[in-house]
N, C-alpha and C. Protein backbone atom coordinates (compact mmCIF):
# COMPACT_ATOMS: atom_id res chain seq x y z
N MET A 1 -44.04 49.48 -29.68
CA MET A 1 -44.25 48.17 -29.11
C MET A 1 -44.04 48.26 -27.60
N SER A 2 -44.93 47.66 -26.91
CA SER A 2 -44.89 47.72 -25.46
C SER A 2 -44.37 46.38 -24.93
N TYR A 3 -43.51 46.46 -23.93
CA TYR A 3 -42.96 45.24 -23.35
C TYR A 3 -43.97 44.47 -22.53
N GLU A 4 -45.03 45.08 -22.16
CA GLU A 4 -46.02 44.36 -21.36
C GLU A 4 -46.75 43.31 -22.18
N TRP A 5 -46.69 43.38 -23.49
CA TRP A 5 -47.37 42.39 -24.33
C TRP A 5 -46.41 41.33 -24.86
N VAL A 6 -45.13 41.44 -24.59
CA VAL A 6 -44.16 40.46 -25.10
C VAL A 6 -44.12 39.28 -24.15
N ASP A 7 -44.18 38.10 -24.73
CA ASP A 7 -44.16 36.87 -23.93
C ASP A 7 -42.70 36.44 -23.72
N PHE A 8 -42.23 36.48 -22.48
CA PHE A 8 -40.85 36.11 -22.18
C PHE A 8 -40.70 34.64 -21.81
N ALA A 9 -41.74 33.88 -21.79
CA ALA A 9 -41.66 32.47 -21.42
C ALA A 9 -40.98 31.68 -22.53
N LEU A 10 -40.28 30.64 -22.14
CA LEU A 10 -39.63 29.78 -23.12
C LEU A 10 -40.67 28.89 -23.78
N GLU A 11 -40.46 28.68 -25.04
CA GLU A 11 -41.36 27.78 -25.75
C GLU A 11 -40.97 26.34 -25.45
N GLU A 12 -41.81 25.42 -25.87
CA GLU A 12 -41.60 24.00 -25.55
C GLU A 12 -40.30 23.48 -26.16
N GLY A 13 -39.94 23.87 -27.35
CA GLY A 13 -38.70 23.42 -27.99
C GLY A 13 -37.47 23.96 -27.31
N GLN A 14 -37.55 25.15 -26.75
CA GLN A 14 -36.41 25.74 -26.08
C GLN A 14 -36.15 25.08 -24.73
N ILE A 15 -37.18 24.60 -24.08
CA ILE A 15 -37.01 23.90 -22.79
C ILE A 15 -36.23 22.61 -23.01
N GLY A 16 -36.51 21.92 -24.12
CA GLY A 16 -35.78 20.68 -24.42
C GLY A 16 -34.30 20.92 -24.65
N GLY A 17 -33.90 22.08 -25.10
CA GLY A 17 -32.50 22.39 -25.30
C GLY A 17 -31.84 22.98 -24.07
N LEU A 18 -32.63 23.51 -23.16
CA LEU A 18 -32.08 24.13 -21.97
C LEU A 18 -31.63 23.09 -20.94
N ALA A 19 -32.37 22.02 -20.80
CA ALA A 19 -32.03 20.99 -19.80
C ALA A 19 -30.67 20.35 -20.09
N PRO A 20 -30.36 19.91 -21.33
CA PRO A 20 -29.02 19.36 -21.58
C PRO A 20 -27.91 20.39 -21.38
N PHE A 21 -28.19 21.66 -21.68
CA PHE A 21 -27.19 22.70 -21.46
C PHE A 21 -26.87 22.85 -19.98
N ILE A 22 -27.90 22.87 -19.15
CA ILE A 22 -27.69 22.99 -17.70
C ILE A 22 -26.97 21.77 -17.17
N LEU A 23 -27.35 20.58 -17.65
CA LEU A 23 -26.68 19.35 -17.21
C LEU A 23 -25.21 19.36 -17.64
N GLY A 24 -24.94 19.81 -18.85
CA GLY A 24 -23.55 19.91 -19.32
C GLY A 24 -22.74 20.89 -18.50
N ALA A 25 -23.36 22.01 -18.12
CA ALA A 25 -22.66 23.00 -17.29
C ALA A 25 -22.35 22.42 -15.91
N ILE A 26 -23.27 21.63 -15.37
CA ILE A 26 -23.03 21.00 -14.06
C ILE A 26 -21.89 20.00 -14.16
N VAL A 27 -21.89 19.18 -15.22
CA VAL A 27 -20.81 18.20 -15.40
C VAL A 27 -19.47 18.90 -15.60
N ALA A 28 -19.44 19.97 -16.38
CA ALA A 28 -18.20 20.72 -16.59
C ALA A 28 -17.70 21.32 -15.29
N ALA A 29 -18.61 21.87 -14.49
CA ALA A 29 -18.21 22.43 -13.20
C ALA A 29 -17.67 21.34 -12.27
N ALA A 30 -18.29 20.16 -12.31
CA ALA A 30 -17.80 19.05 -11.47
C ALA A 30 -16.41 18.62 -11.91
N LEU A 31 -16.16 18.57 -13.22
CA LEU A 31 -14.83 18.19 -13.70
C LEU A 31 -13.78 19.23 -13.34
N ILE A 32 -14.13 20.49 -13.45
CA ILE A 32 -13.19 21.55 -13.06
C ILE A 32 -12.90 21.47 -11.56
N GLY A 33 -13.94 21.22 -10.77
CA GLY A 33 -13.74 21.05 -9.33
C GLY A 33 -12.86 19.85 -9.01
N ALA A 34 -13.02 18.75 -9.77
CA ALA A 34 -12.19 17.56 -9.55
C ALA A 34 -10.73 17.85 -9.86
N VAL A 35 -10.48 18.64 -10.91
CA VAL A 35 -9.10 19.00 -11.25
C VAL A 35 -8.49 19.83 -10.12
N PHE A 36 -9.20 20.82 -9.62
CA PHE A 36 -8.67 21.63 -8.52
C PHE A 36 -8.48 20.81 -7.25
N PHE A 37 -9.39 19.88 -6.98
CA PHE A 37 -9.24 19.01 -5.81
C PHE A 37 -7.99 18.14 -5.96
N GLY A 38 -7.79 17.56 -7.15
CA GLY A 38 -6.60 16.75 -7.39
C GLY A 38 -5.32 17.56 -7.28
N TRP A 39 -5.36 18.81 -7.72
CA TRP A 39 -4.20 19.67 -7.60
C TRP A 39 -3.87 19.94 -6.14
N ARG A 40 -4.89 20.17 -5.32
CA ARG A 40 -4.66 20.41 -3.89
C ARG A 40 -4.10 19.16 -3.21
N VAL A 41 -4.64 17.98 -3.56
CA VAL A 41 -4.14 16.74 -2.97
C VAL A 41 -2.69 16.53 -3.37
N ARG A 42 -2.36 16.81 -4.62
CA ARG A 42 -0.99 16.61 -5.09
C ARG A 42 -0.02 17.56 -4.40
N GLN A 43 -0.47 18.75 -4.05
CA GLN A 43 0.38 19.70 -3.36
C GLN A 43 0.76 19.22 -1.96
N ARG A 44 -0.10 18.40 -1.35
CA ARG A 44 0.17 17.89 0.00
C ARG A 44 1.07 16.67 -0.01
N GLU A 45 1.27 16.02 -1.16
CA GLU A 45 2.11 14.83 -1.24
C GLU A 45 3.58 15.22 -1.12
N PRO A 46 4.42 14.26 -0.70
CA PRO A 46 5.86 14.58 -0.64
C PRO A 46 6.41 14.78 -2.05
N ARG A 47 7.47 15.55 -2.14
CA ARG A 47 8.04 15.86 -3.45
C ARG A 47 8.69 14.62 -4.06
N ARG A 48 8.89 14.67 -5.36
CA ARG A 48 9.55 13.58 -6.06
C ARG A 48 11.03 13.56 -5.71
N PRO A 49 11.64 12.36 -5.68
CA PRO A 49 13.08 12.32 -5.37
C PRO A 49 13.89 12.91 -6.53
N THR A 50 14.98 13.55 -6.17
CA THR A 50 15.88 14.10 -7.18
C THR A 50 16.69 12.96 -7.79
N PRO A 51 17.36 13.20 -8.91
CA PRO A 51 18.18 12.13 -9.50
C PRO A 51 19.26 11.61 -8.56
N GLN A 52 19.76 12.47 -7.66
CA GLN A 52 20.79 12.03 -6.72
C GLN A 52 20.19 11.11 -5.65
N GLU A 53 18.90 11.23 -5.39
CA GLU A 53 18.25 10.41 -4.36
C GLU A 53 17.72 9.09 -4.92
N GLN A 54 17.81 8.88 -6.22
CA GLN A 54 17.30 7.65 -6.83
C GLN A 54 18.18 6.47 -6.41
N PRO A 55 17.62 5.25 -6.42
CA PRO A 55 18.44 4.08 -6.08
C PRO A 55 19.59 3.90 -7.06
N LYS A 56 20.70 3.43 -6.55
CA LYS A 56 21.89 3.22 -7.36
C LYS A 56 22.06 1.74 -7.67
N MET A 57 22.76 1.44 -8.76
CA MET A 57 23.04 0.06 -9.15
C MET A 57 24.08 -0.52 -8.19
N PRO A 58 23.93 -1.80 -7.83
CA PRO A 58 24.92 -2.41 -6.94
C PRO A 58 26.31 -2.39 -7.58
N PRO A 59 27.37 -2.43 -6.75
CA PRO A 59 28.73 -2.37 -7.30
C PRO A 59 29.03 -3.52 -8.26
N GLY A 60 28.41 -4.67 -8.05
CA GLY A 60 28.68 -5.81 -8.92
C GLY A 60 27.87 -5.81 -10.20
N GLY A 61 27.15 -4.75 -10.48
CA GLY A 61 26.34 -4.69 -11.69
C GLY A 61 24.91 -5.12 -11.40
N PRO A 62 24.10 -5.22 -12.45
CA PRO A 62 22.71 -5.60 -12.24
C PRO A 62 22.59 -7.04 -11.73
N VAL A 63 21.59 -7.27 -10.92
CA VAL A 63 21.39 -8.59 -10.34
C VAL A 63 20.66 -9.45 -11.37
N ARG A 64 21.17 -10.65 -11.61
CA ARG A 64 20.52 -11.55 -12.57
C ARG A 64 19.46 -12.36 -11.85
N GLU A 65 18.52 -12.83 -12.62
CA GLU A 65 17.47 -13.64 -12.04
C GLU A 65 18.02 -15.01 -11.67
N ASP A 66 17.44 -15.61 -10.67
CA ASP A 66 17.88 -16.92 -10.19
C ASP A 66 16.83 -17.93 -10.59
N ARG A 67 17.18 -18.79 -11.53
CA ARG A 67 16.25 -19.82 -11.98
C ARG A 67 16.76 -21.17 -11.50
N THR A 68 15.97 -21.81 -10.68
CA THR A 68 16.32 -23.14 -10.20
C THR A 68 15.15 -24.07 -10.45
N THR A 69 15.48 -25.32 -10.63
CA THR A 69 14.44 -26.33 -10.79
C THR A 69 14.12 -26.91 -9.43
N ARG A 70 12.84 -27.07 -9.16
CA ARG A 70 12.41 -27.60 -7.88
C ARG A 70 11.75 -28.95 -8.10
N ASP A 71 12.05 -29.90 -7.24
CA ASP A 71 11.38 -31.20 -7.26
C ASP A 71 10.21 -31.15 -6.30
N THR A 72 9.16 -31.86 -6.65
CA THR A 72 7.99 -31.86 -5.78
C THR A 72 8.25 -32.68 -4.53
N ASP A 73 7.65 -32.27 -3.46
CA ASP A 73 7.70 -33.00 -2.20
C ASP A 73 6.39 -33.77 -2.12
N ASP A 74 6.43 -35.04 -2.48
CA ASP A 74 5.20 -35.82 -2.58
C ASP A 74 4.52 -35.97 -1.23
N VAL A 75 3.20 -36.02 -1.29
CA VAL A 75 2.40 -36.22 -0.08
C VAL A 75 2.49 -37.69 0.31
N PRO A 76 2.84 -37.98 1.56
CA PRO A 76 2.92 -39.39 1.97
C PRO A 76 1.54 -40.05 1.94
N LYS A 77 1.52 -41.30 1.53
CA LYS A 77 0.25 -42.03 1.45
C LYS A 77 0.00 -42.75 2.77
N GLN A 78 -1.24 -42.67 3.21
CA GLN A 78 -1.65 -43.37 4.42
C GLN A 78 -2.86 -44.21 4.09
N ASP A 79 -2.97 -45.34 4.76
CA ASP A 79 -4.07 -46.24 4.48
C ASP A 79 -5.32 -45.93 5.29
N HIS A 80 -5.17 -45.33 6.44
CA HIS A 80 -6.30 -45.25 7.34
C HIS A 80 -7.00 -43.89 7.38
N ASP A 81 -6.30 -42.79 7.43
CA ASP A 81 -6.94 -41.51 7.69
C ASP A 81 -6.35 -40.45 6.77
N ARG A 82 -7.08 -39.38 6.60
CA ARG A 82 -6.57 -38.30 5.76
C ARG A 82 -5.54 -37.49 6.54
N LEU A 83 -4.70 -36.75 5.81
CA LEU A 83 -3.68 -35.93 6.43
C LEU A 83 -4.23 -34.54 6.73
N THR A 84 -3.82 -33.99 7.83
CA THR A 84 -4.17 -32.62 8.16
C THR A 84 -3.01 -31.72 7.74
N PRO A 85 -3.21 -30.43 7.65
CA PRO A 85 -2.11 -29.54 7.26
C PRO A 85 -0.93 -29.60 8.23
N TYR A 86 -1.17 -29.97 9.46
CA TYR A 86 -0.09 -30.02 10.44
C TYR A 86 0.81 -31.23 10.23
N GLN A 87 0.34 -32.22 9.50
CA GLN A 87 1.15 -33.41 9.24
C GLN A 87 1.98 -33.27 7.97
N LEU A 88 1.77 -32.22 7.21
CA LEU A 88 2.52 -32.01 5.97
C LEU A 88 3.74 -31.15 6.25
N ASP A 89 4.72 -31.24 5.34
CA ASP A 89 5.90 -30.38 5.45
C ASP A 89 5.51 -28.94 5.17
N PRO A 90 6.21 -27.99 5.78
CA PRO A 90 5.82 -26.60 5.56
C PRO A 90 6.12 -26.10 4.14
N GLN A 91 7.04 -26.75 3.44
CA GLN A 91 7.38 -26.29 2.11
C GLN A 91 7.00 -27.38 1.11
N GLY A 92 6.36 -27.02 0.02
CA GLY A 92 5.86 -28.00 -0.93
C GLY A 92 6.85 -28.48 -1.95
N THR A 93 8.04 -27.87 -2.05
CA THR A 93 9.03 -28.29 -3.03
C THR A 93 10.40 -28.39 -2.38
N LEU A 94 11.26 -29.11 -3.04
CA LEU A 94 12.64 -29.27 -2.59
C LEU A 94 13.57 -28.84 -3.71
N PRO A 95 14.76 -28.37 -3.39
CA PRO A 95 15.71 -28.05 -4.46
C PRO A 95 16.05 -29.31 -5.25
N ALA A 96 16.18 -29.17 -6.56
CA ALA A 96 16.49 -30.31 -7.42
C ALA A 96 17.98 -30.64 -7.30
N GLU A 97 18.32 -31.79 -7.83
CA GLU A 97 19.74 -32.16 -7.89
C GLU A 97 20.46 -31.14 -8.77
N GLU A 98 21.77 -31.12 -8.68
CA GLU A 98 22.55 -30.14 -9.45
C GLU A 98 22.28 -30.32 -10.94
N GLU A 99 22.05 -29.23 -11.60
CA GLU A 99 21.76 -29.28 -13.03
C GLU A 99 22.70 -28.34 -13.76
N PRO A 100 22.93 -28.56 -15.06
CA PRO A 100 23.82 -27.65 -15.79
C PRO A 100 23.17 -26.27 -15.91
N PRO A 101 23.98 -25.24 -16.03
CA PRO A 101 23.41 -23.89 -16.14
C PRO A 101 22.58 -23.75 -17.41
N ARG A 102 21.56 -22.96 -17.32
CA ARG A 102 20.69 -22.73 -18.48
C ARG A 102 21.42 -21.88 -19.51
N PRO A 103 21.21 -22.17 -20.79
CA PRO A 103 21.88 -21.35 -21.81
C PRO A 103 21.31 -19.94 -21.83
N ARG A 104 22.16 -18.99 -22.03
CA ARG A 104 21.76 -17.59 -22.12
C ARG A 104 21.77 -17.17 -23.59
N TRP A 105 21.28 -15.98 -23.84
CA TRP A 105 21.25 -15.46 -25.20
C TRP A 105 22.66 -15.19 -25.66
N ASN A 106 22.96 -15.58 -26.88
CA ASN A 106 24.27 -15.37 -27.47
C ASN A 106 24.18 -14.32 -28.56
N GLU A 107 25.22 -13.51 -28.68
CA GLU A 107 25.27 -12.51 -29.74
C GLU A 107 25.25 -13.22 -31.09
N GLY A 108 24.40 -12.77 -31.98
CA GLY A 108 24.31 -13.38 -33.31
C GLY A 108 23.31 -14.51 -33.39
N SER A 109 22.67 -14.86 -32.29
CA SER A 109 21.67 -15.92 -32.35
C SER A 109 20.34 -15.33 -32.79
N SER A 110 19.35 -16.17 -33.00
CA SER A 110 18.12 -15.74 -33.64
C SER A 110 17.20 -14.93 -32.75
N GLY A 111 17.29 -15.03 -31.47
CA GLY A 111 16.34 -14.34 -30.60
C GLY A 111 15.15 -15.23 -30.31
N GLY A 112 13.96 -14.68 -30.32
CA GLY A 112 12.76 -15.44 -30.01
C GLY A 112 12.34 -16.35 -31.14
N PHE A 113 11.54 -17.34 -30.81
CA PHE A 113 11.05 -18.28 -31.80
C PHE A 113 10.18 -17.55 -32.81
N GLY A 114 10.46 -17.77 -34.08
CA GLY A 114 9.66 -17.15 -35.12
C GLY A 114 9.98 -15.69 -35.36
N SER A 115 11.12 -15.22 -34.85
CA SER A 115 11.44 -13.80 -35.01
C SER A 115 12.04 -13.49 -36.37
N GLY A 116 12.33 -14.52 -37.15
CA GLY A 116 12.88 -14.28 -38.48
C GLY A 116 14.38 -14.09 -38.49
N GLY A 117 15.04 -14.39 -37.38
CA GLY A 117 16.48 -14.25 -37.34
C GLY A 117 17.17 -15.37 -38.10
N GLY A 118 18.49 -15.27 -38.16
CA GLY A 118 19.27 -16.23 -38.93
C GLY A 118 19.52 -17.55 -38.22
N GLY A 119 19.14 -17.68 -36.97
CA GLY A 119 19.38 -18.93 -36.25
C GLY A 119 20.75 -18.96 -35.64
N HIS A 120 21.12 -20.12 -35.04
CA HIS A 120 22.43 -20.25 -34.41
C HIS A 120 23.50 -20.31 -35.48
N ARG A 121 24.72 -19.93 -35.08
CA ARG A 121 25.85 -19.94 -36.03
C ARG A 121 26.28 -21.33 -36.34
């Protein structure tokens, strides 16, 4: 058999399988390049803080949230002209009158609504 008579051209069915393979190889190469690029960027970032450099808890313990009730600062009514922003107070609410402290979670209470707990003692 002589090689000069062998047809080395791809057939029509093989061309249809070659294009997705080449496209997949290009996508894989792009993803590998993105990983190496991300690795290089990460190398330039500052190092992570050590456990000794992490923020510490305040001496008085964790800070609790501050929940206050605010009363609305009503817009004054005028008969003749509309109000501009410069005629309004800079703050839209005022502190409310003194109120009793909000109840906190108690040990042995039910927890959230519908949680299936036993309820209050």
